[in-house]
Amino acid sequence: MTEGLTRKENDLLKTIKRVLNEAPIDYEGPERMDPNIERKITGKETPFSKHPAMPIGDRDFVELVSSKRFKDSVDNVRRYLGTTAPLQGRNPLMQLMGMAMQSLQQVGRIQFQHKEYLERLAVDLVKKEMSIPEGAMQFDAKLVMGPMSSAEGMRQQPQEPKQQDVKQAFKHQDELEDFVDEFEKFNLEKAKRRFINSLIQGASKKGHYMFELVRDELDRLDPELANLYGVNQSLMDHLYWVMPDMEGMAASGEGQIGQSEVDIETDPPTVKARAATFPLLVHELIKGVYDIFGTHGLPDDPKQAEMIMGAEDTLPAEIWDMRLGPIFWEKFQASYPLELFDEDKRHIQHYLFMRFSKLPAEDFFKFAKSVLNGDPSANKAVQRMVDEIVSDLKKQEYEDEASKWDDDDLDDINLADLGL
């Protein structure tokens, strides 16, 4: 017992020391994320800290996910550089940024000689890995070096509507319902859109390293290209955890080296992607595809949908989607039946994503929470959804006409709205 303290005071002191010594972020080496980013995570200041889809447990879920994502970024740097020394030292940020820019310049010089080939390769890779039927979508992919303006639909700051506009757009048929309920519905739909956006970013994040699937083709162009992609991408990914104000940079429109937008008015819909490197181009193409699927999660009312996208589809919010979304997406894919990863079944994953997106907000959060929590009931629910989708597709003889995505009668999924 510490001299001069009572037993109760001593116990309290021990508890305080234990809490202080238990870092909320689980570090496995000397590498550390930026203190301001860690403070937002531990201070519950991220867009997901109080999100209705987050599980509640002994440890804060966002802290757990952040720990895993930070570790993954360190592991990727070690994989491609052979060391994590650049992540340490007195000023690792400047060293990281310098190495990232240097590798980006090297990549740009090589890509310039094979630009059109790499653009076609990116589209072919995405269509193959996502099992996109020929003719189902159009792709406009370009490698671009230099400043980019914000993609259509992506805002630098959220556009929060006036209360009266929310009341008008989300008004109930029952006049007894009050404004509080209408604003609550708006907030629920915003939270739903936020989570869907994080899943879209999580799904497309794997595109950063899909270049490994075509390494032989890249080696034929230049034996150093694939390794340069790995170095550049791993450094860029790690910067999400060590750059002090990346959200502020995104809000200013600076430093954007990849973007995508979709046009659902064309027949078939068009995914337009622009990026500085092949891995980022693949990422933006995947993001565009899932953006089309994700529109099923928006309200049918155009005014409501416009308000929600205005409030949530912002460049700063994308930063946290990129940081945490990959783990959310991994959790969702872990709930899928193994059969959905077979080449002839992968297309069912898209219908599953659309069906999940169409769930009413409260059911959506309940289901998402059970998936993130690894609840066995979530796997059973996913299996039931898959069985229903397969049954519907068989009824329409979809398997005999897999190149046509025109299943207007598919339960809970109206592809006609997107021109599919």
Foldseek 3Di string as FASTA:
>chain_A
DPPPDDPVVVVVVVVVVVVVPDQLADDDDPFAFAPLVSCCQVVLNAPCSPFLQAADDPHRRSNVLLNVLLVVLQVLLCVLVVDSVLRDDDCSLVSLVVQLVVLLVVLLVLCVVVFVVLQVVLVVLLCQQLVAFPQQEAEAFGADPDADFADPLAALAFDADDLVLQCVQQPDPDPVDDSVVSVVLLVLLLSLLLLLLLQLLLVLVVLLLCVVVVLVVVVVSPVCNNSSSSNNSSSVSSCLRHVNCVSNCQSVSPPDFKAWDWDLVDRNIYIYIYGNHSSRRSSSSSSSVSVLLLVLLFDPDPSSRVNSSSRRNYRSSVSVSNSRSNLLNVLVVVLADPVCSPSLNVNLVSVLSSQLSNDRSVVNSVLSNCSSVVPNVNSVVSVVVSVLQVVLCVVVVCSVVVSDPCSCVRPSDHCVVSND
